[in-house]
Amino acid sequence: MKIRTWDLVQIMSGKSSDKNKQAKVLKVLKDEWKVLVEWVNIVTRHIKKMGTTPGQIIKMEKPIDVSNAMLVCPFTKKPTRVWTVSVEEKWVAKTFRYSKRAAKELNKEPKDLIIK
């Protein structure tokens, strides 16, 4: 799967309210080939009253198929296809993601993610 967590993607198909929307990937479900995208595919859940907890209506995101999302190139800000290149250095093989539209390497780690 060429889409990773924190990538910016554009929704290409699905609900009419979600088409052409650009948002970040919150979670990647590799086994199911699905991605959880921020503020996309919103569904409403009705929760029953249980003991002292009141009943409530919750809006939440559901995963969409990875084929419905396309990675947005950080250089051109347009949807692009991704290809990978495998480079072997000494005894270690590294893979890099490249944008088809800009023909440049994509960052592996997000800049806005703060690691403490």
N, C-alpha and C. Protein backbone atom coordinates (compact mmCIF):
# COMPACT_ATOMS: atom_id res chain seq x y z
N MET A 1 0.85 -1.17 0.00
CA MET A 1 0.00 0.00 0.00
C MET A 1 0.90 1.24 0.00
N LYS A 2 0.60 2.18 -0.88
CA LYS A 2 1.48 3.33 -1.06
C LYS A 2 1.04 4.55 -0.27
N ILE A 3 -0.10 4.47 0.39
CA ILE A 3 -0.57 5.57 1.23
C ILE A 3 -0.22 5.24 2.68
N ARG A 4 0.32 6.23 3.38
CA ARG A 4 0.73 6.04 4.77
C ARG A 4 -0.03 6.99 5.68
N THR A 5 0.10 6.77 6.97
CA THR A 5 -0.53 7.64 7.96
C THR A 5 0.05 9.04 7.85
N TRP A 6 -0.78 10.05 8.01
CA TRP A 6 -0.48 11.47 7.94
C TRP A 6 -0.26 11.99 6.53
N ASP A 7 -0.45 11.15 5.51
CA ASP A 7 -0.38 11.64 4.13
C ASP A 7 -1.62 12.47 3.82
N LEU A 8 -1.47 13.43 2.94
CA LEU A 8 -2.60 14.22 2.46
C LEU A 8 -3.15 13.52 1.22
N VAL A 9 -4.45 13.17 1.24
CA VAL A 9 -5.06 12.47 0.12
C VAL A 9 -6.26 13.25 -0.39
N GLN A 10 -6.63 12.97 -1.63
CA GLN A 10 -7.85 13.53 -2.21
C GLN A 10 -8.80 12.37 -2.48
N ILE A 11 -10.06 12.55 -2.11
CA ILE A 11 -11.07 11.52 -2.30
C ILE A 11 -11.55 11.61 -3.74
N MET A 12 -11.41 10.51 -4.48
CA MET A 12 -11.75 10.50 -5.90
C MET A 12 -13.16 10.00 -6.16
N SER A 13 -13.67 9.11 -5.32
CA SER A 13 -15.03 8.60 -5.51
C SER A 13 -15.63 8.25 -4.17
N GLY A 14 -16.94 8.09 -4.16
CA GLY A 14 -17.66 7.80 -2.93
C GLY A 14 -18.86 8.71 -2.81
N LYS A 15 -19.15 9.16 -1.59
CA LYS A 15 -20.28 10.06 -1.38
C LYS A 15 -20.06 11.36 -2.14
N SER A 16 -21.15 11.94 -2.64
CA SER A 16 -21.02 13.18 -3.41
C SER A 16 -20.52 14.33 -2.55
N SER A 17 -20.81 14.29 -1.24
CA SER A 17 -20.33 15.36 -0.36
C SER A 17 -18.83 15.22 -0.06
N ASP A 18 -18.26 14.05 -0.27
CA ASP A 18 -16.85 13.81 0.03
C ASP A 18 -15.94 13.90 -1.19
N LYS A 19 -16.48 13.87 -2.40
CA LYS A 19 -15.65 13.88 -3.61
C LYS A 19 -14.83 15.17 -3.69
N ASN A 20 -13.60 15.02 -4.18
CA ASN A 20 -12.64 16.12 -4.36
C ASN A 20 -12.24 16.80 -3.06
N LYS A 21 -12.52 16.19 -1.93
CA LYS A 21 -12.11 16.73 -0.64
C LYS A 21 -10.69 16.28 -0.35
N GLN A 22 -9.85 17.18 0.18
CA GLN A 22 -8.49 16.82 0.56
C GLN A 22 -8.40 16.79 2.08
N ALA A 23 -7.84 15.69 2.62
CA ALA A 23 -7.74 15.54 4.07
C ALA A 23 -6.59 14.59 4.40
N LYS A 24 -6.23 14.56 5.69
CA LYS A 24 -5.14 13.71 6.15
C LYS A 24 -5.63 12.31 6.49
N VAL A 25 -4.74 11.34 6.33
CA VAL A 25 -5.03 9.96 6.67
C VAL A 25 -4.73 9.78 8.16
N LEU A 26 -5.73 9.33 8.91
CA LEU A 26 -5.55 9.13 10.34
C LEU A 26 -5.02 7.73 10.66
N LYS A 27 -5.47 6.74 9.89
CA LYS A 27 -5.09 5.36 10.18
C LYS A 27 -5.13 4.55 8.89
N VAL A 28 -4.21 3.61 8.74
CA VAL A 28 -4.16 2.72 7.59
C VAL A 28 -4.46 1.30 8.08
N LEU A 29 -5.47 0.68 7.49
CA LEU A 29 -5.83 -0.71 7.82
C LEU A 29 -5.33 -1.59 6.69
N LYS A 30 -4.11 -2.13 6.84
CA LYS A 30 -3.45 -2.87 5.77
C LYS A 30 -4.18 -4.15 5.40
N ASP A 31 -4.68 -4.89 6.40
CA ASP A 31 -5.33 -6.18 6.13
C ASP A 31 -6.60 -6.01 5.31
N GLU A 32 -7.33 -4.92 5.53
CA GLU A 32 -8.60 -4.69 4.85
C GLU A 32 -8.46 -3.79 3.63
N TRP A 33 -7.26 -3.24 3.36
CA TRP A 33 -7.00 -2.30 2.28
C TRP A 33 -7.92 -1.09 2.38
N LYS A 34 -7.98 -0.52 3.59
CA LYS A 34 -8.82 0.65 3.85
C LYS A 34 -8.00 1.71 4.57
N VAL A 35 -8.46 2.95 4.46
CA VAL A 35 -7.84 4.06 5.16
C VAL A 35 -8.91 4.86 5.88
N LEU A 36 -8.56 5.38 7.05
CA LEU A 36 -9.45 6.24 7.82
C LEU A 36 -8.99 7.67 7.57
N VAL A 37 -9.85 8.46 6.93
CA VAL A 37 -9.49 9.82 6.52
C VAL A 37 -10.27 10.81 7.38
N GLU A 38 -9.60 11.88 7.77
CA GLU A 38 -10.17 12.89 8.65
C GLU A 38 -11.36 13.59 7.98
N TRP A 39 -12.51 13.62 8.64
CA TRP A 39 -13.74 14.28 8.19
C TRP A 39 -14.28 13.77 6.87
N VAL A 40 -14.04 12.49 6.57
CA VAL A 40 -14.57 11.88 5.35
C VAL A 40 -15.35 10.63 5.75
N ASN A 41 -16.46 10.36 5.05
CA ASN A 41 -17.34 9.22 5.30
C ASN A 41 -17.88 9.27 6.73
N ILE A 42 -18.47 10.40 7.09
CA ILE A 42 -19.04 10.60 8.42
C ILE A 42 -20.35 9.83 8.53
N VAL A 43 -20.50 9.04 9.58
CA VAL A 43 -21.74 8.31 9.85
C VAL A 43 -22.25 8.69 11.24
N THR A 44 -23.53 8.48 11.46
CA THR A 44 -24.16 8.81 12.74
C THR A 44 -24.46 7.53 13.48
N ARG A 45 -24.05 7.46 14.74
CA ARG A 45 -24.32 6.29 15.59
C ARG A 45 -25.23 6.72 16.73
N HIS A 46 -26.26 5.93 17.00
CA HIS A 46 -27.14 6.18 18.13
C HIS A 46 -26.74 5.22 19.25
N ILE A 47 -26.35 5.76 20.39
CA ILE A 47 -25.91 4.97 21.53
C ILE A 47 -27.04 4.91 22.55
N LYS A 48 -27.38 3.71 22.98
CA LYS A 48 -28.45 3.52 23.96
C LYS A 48 -28.01 3.94 25.35
N LYS A 49 -28.97 4.28 26.16
CA LYS A 49 -28.69 4.61 27.56
C LYS A 49 -28.26 3.33 28.28
N MET A 50 -27.18 3.44 29.06
CA MET A 50 -26.68 2.29 29.82
C MET A 50 -26.38 2.75 31.24
N GLY A 51 -27.19 2.35 32.17
CA GLY A 51 -26.98 2.73 33.57
C GLY A 51 -27.11 4.23 33.74
N THR A 52 -26.04 4.86 34.22
CA THR A 52 -26.08 6.30 34.44
C THR A 52 -25.64 7.09 33.21
N THR A 53 -25.08 6.41 32.21
CA THR A 53 -24.66 7.09 30.99
C THR A 53 -25.89 7.41 30.13
N PRO A 54 -26.07 8.66 29.74
CA PRO A 54 -27.24 9.00 28.93
C PRO A 54 -27.08 8.52 27.48
N GLY A 55 -28.23 8.34 26.81
CA GLY A 55 -28.19 8.02 25.39
C GLY A 55 -27.70 9.22 24.61
N GLN A 56 -27.05 8.97 23.47
CA GLN A 56 -26.49 10.08 22.71
C GLN A 56 -26.35 9.72 21.24
N ILE A 57 -26.17 10.72 20.43
CA ILE A 57 -25.92 10.54 19.00
C ILE A 57 -24.50 10.99 18.73
N ILE A 58 -23.70 10.10 18.14
CA ILE A 58 -22.28 10.36 17.89
C ILE A 58 -22.04 10.36 16.38
N LYS A 59 -21.27 11.34 15.90
CA LYS A 59 -20.83 11.36 14.50
C LYS A 59 -19.38 10.90 14.48
N MET A 60 -19.08 9.94 13.62
CA MET A 60 -17.73 9.39 13.57
C MET A 60 -17.36 9.07 12.12
N GLU A 61 -16.03 8.93 11.88
CA GLU A 61 -15.54 8.57 10.56
C GLU A 61 -15.47 7.06 10.42
N LYS A 62 -15.76 6.58 9.23
CA LYS A 62 -15.62 5.17 8.91
C LYS A 62 -14.54 5.04 7.84
N PRO A 63 -13.84 3.91 7.79
CA PRO A 63 -12.80 3.74 6.78
C PRO A 63 -13.38 3.66 5.36
N ILE A 64 -12.59 4.12 4.39
CA ILE A 64 -12.95 3.99 2.98
C ILE A 64 -11.90 3.13 2.30
N ASP A 65 -12.25 2.60 1.14
CA ASP A 65 -11.31 1.76 0.40
C ASP A 65 -10.15 2.62 -0.10
N VAL A 66 -8.97 2.04 -0.11
CA VAL A 66 -7.76 2.78 -0.48
C VAL A 66 -7.80 3.19 -1.95
N SER A 67 -8.56 2.46 -2.78
CA SER A 67 -8.64 2.80 -4.20
C SER A 67 -9.44 4.07 -4.44
N ASN A 68 -10.22 4.52 -3.46
CA ASN A 68 -11.01 5.74 -3.59
C ASN A 68 -10.23 6.99 -3.20
N ALA A 69 -9.04 6.82 -2.67
CA ALA A 69 -8.21 7.95 -2.23
C ALA A 69 -6.94 8.00 -3.07
N MET A 70 -6.51 9.22 -3.40
CA MET A 70 -5.30 9.40 -4.19
C MET A 70 -4.38 10.38 -3.47
N LEU A 71 -3.12 10.06 -3.40
CA LEU A 71 -2.15 10.88 -2.69
C LEU A 71 -2.00 12.25 -3.37
N VAL A 72 -1.92 13.31 -2.56
CA VAL A 72 -1.72 14.65 -3.09
C VAL A 72 -0.22 14.96 -3.06
N CYS A 73 0.30 15.37 -4.21
CA CYS A 73 1.72 15.70 -4.33
C CYS A 73 2.01 16.96 -3.52
N PRO A 74 2.98 16.93 -2.61
CA PRO A 74 3.28 18.12 -1.81
C PRO A 74 3.91 19.26 -2.62
N PHE A 75 4.42 18.96 -3.80
CA PHE A 75 5.07 19.97 -4.62
C PHE A 75 4.07 20.71 -5.52
N THR A 76 3.12 19.96 -6.11
CA THR A 76 2.16 20.58 -7.04
C THR A 76 0.78 20.76 -6.42
N LYS A 77 0.52 20.15 -5.27
CA LYS A 77 -0.77 20.21 -4.57
C LYS A 77 -1.91 19.61 -5.41
N LYS A 78 -1.57 18.66 -6.28
CA LYS A 78 -2.57 17.97 -7.09
C LYS A 78 -2.45 16.48 -6.86
N PRO A 79 -3.52 15.70 -7.10
CA PRO A 79 -3.44 14.25 -6.90
C PRO A 79 -2.42 13.62 -7.85
N THR A 80 -1.72 12.65 -7.34
CA THR A 80 -0.68 12.01 -8.14
C THR A 80 -0.64 10.51 -7.85
N ARG A 81 -0.06 9.79 -8.78
CA ARG A 81 0.22 8.37 -8.55
C ARG A 81 1.59 8.27 -7.89
N VAL A 82 1.84 7.14 -7.26
CA VAL A 82 3.08 6.95 -6.51
C VAL A 82 3.80 5.73 -7.05
N TRP A 83 5.10 5.84 -7.20
CA TRP A 83 5.91 4.68 -7.55
C TRP A 83 7.05 4.56 -6.56
N THR A 84 7.51 3.37 -6.34
CA THR A 84 8.55 3.13 -5.35
C THR A 84 9.83 2.67 -6.05
N VAL A 85 10.94 3.09 -5.47
CA VAL A 85 12.25 2.69 -5.98
C VAL A 85 12.99 2.04 -4.84
N SER A 86 13.59 0.91 -5.13
CA SER A 86 14.33 0.16 -4.12
C SER A 86 15.82 0.36 -4.38
N VAL A 87 16.55 0.81 -3.35
CA VAL A 87 17.98 1.08 -3.47
C VAL A 87 18.71 0.20 -2.46
N GLU A 88 19.73 -0.51 -2.94
CA GLU A 88 20.50 -1.37 -2.05
C GLU A 88 21.85 -0.71 -1.77
N GLU A 89 22.10 -0.48 -0.48
CA GLU A 89 23.38 0.07 -0.04
C GLU A 89 24.00 -0.91 0.93
N LYS A 90 25.14 -1.43 0.54
CA LYS A 90 25.85 -2.45 1.31
C LYS A 90 24.92 -3.64 1.55
N TRP A 91 24.40 -3.84 2.76
CA TRP A 91 23.52 -4.99 3.00
C TRP A 91 22.11 -4.55 3.36
N VAL A 92 21.81 -3.30 3.14
CA VAL A 92 20.50 -2.78 3.52
C VAL A 92 19.76 -2.31 2.27
N ALA A 93 18.51 -2.75 2.12
CA ALA A 93 17.68 -2.29 1.00
C ALA A 93 16.71 -1.23 1.51
N LYS A 94 16.69 -0.07 0.88
CA LYS A 94 15.80 1.01 1.27
C LYS A 94 14.83 1.27 0.11
N THR A 95 13.58 1.58 0.46
CA THR A 95 12.61 1.93 -0.57
C THR A 95 12.18 3.37 -0.38
N PHE A 96 12.05 4.08 -1.48
CA PHE A 96 11.65 5.48 -1.47
C PHE A 96 10.41 5.64 -2.33
N ARG A 97 9.51 6.53 -1.91
CA ARG A 97 8.30 6.82 -2.68
C ARG A 97 8.55 8.07 -3.52
N TYR A 98 8.13 8.00 -4.77
CA TYR A 98 8.27 9.13 -5.69
C TYR A 98 6.91 9.52 -6.24
N SER A 99 6.75 10.80 -6.50
CA SER A 99 5.53 11.33 -7.10
C SER A 99 5.66 11.23 -8.61
N LYS A 100 4.63 10.69 -9.28
CA LYS A 100 4.65 10.61 -10.74
C LYS A 100 4.52 11.99 -11.36
N ARG A 101 3.74 12.87 -10.74
CA ARG A 101 3.47 14.19 -11.31
C ARG A 101 4.71 15.08 -11.25
N ALA A 102 5.42 15.10 -10.12
CA ALA A 102 6.57 15.98 -9.96
C ALA A 102 7.90 15.26 -10.18
N ALA A 103 7.87 13.93 -10.20
CA ALA A 103 9.08 13.11 -10.34
C ALA A 103 10.10 13.44 -9.25
N LYS A 104 9.61 13.65 -8.03
CA LYS A 104 10.47 13.93 -6.89
C LYS A 104 10.15 12.97 -5.75
N GLU A 105 11.12 12.82 -4.86
CA GLU A 105 10.94 11.92 -3.71
C GLU A 105 9.98 12.53 -2.70
N LEU A 106 9.07 11.69 -2.19
CA LEU A 106 8.14 12.13 -1.16
C LEU A 106 8.75 11.92 0.21
N ASN A 107 8.46 12.81 1.15
CA ASN A 107 8.98 12.67 2.50
C ASN A 107 8.37 11.45 3.16
N LYS A 108 9.21 10.72 3.88
CA LYS A 108 8.73 9.54 4.58
C LYS A 108 8.06 9.91 5.89
N GLU A 109 8.52 10.97 6.54
CA GLU A 109 7.98 11.36 7.83
C GLU A 109 7.36 12.75 7.72
N PRO A 110 6.21 12.95 8.34
CA PRO A 110 5.59 14.26 8.27
C PRO A 110 6.37 15.30 9.07
N LYS A 111 6.36 16.54 8.60
CA LYS A 111 7.10 17.60 9.29
C LYS A 111 6.32 18.14 10.47
N ASP A 112 4.98 18.07 10.40
CA ASP A 112 4.17 18.65 11.46
C ASP A 112 3.96 17.70 12.65
N LEU A 113 4.43 16.46 12.53
CA LEU A 113 4.32 15.50 13.62
C LEU A 113 5.47 15.72 14.59
N ILE A 114 5.17 15.99 15.83
CA ILE A 114 6.19 16.25 16.84
C ILE A 114 6.42 14.98 17.64
N ILE A 115 7.64 14.49 17.63
CA ILE A 115 8.00 13.28 18.37
C ILE A 115 8.74 13.69 19.62
N LYS A 116 8.21 13.25 20.76
CA LYS A 116 8.83 13.60 22.05
C LYS A 116 9.52 12.40 22.64
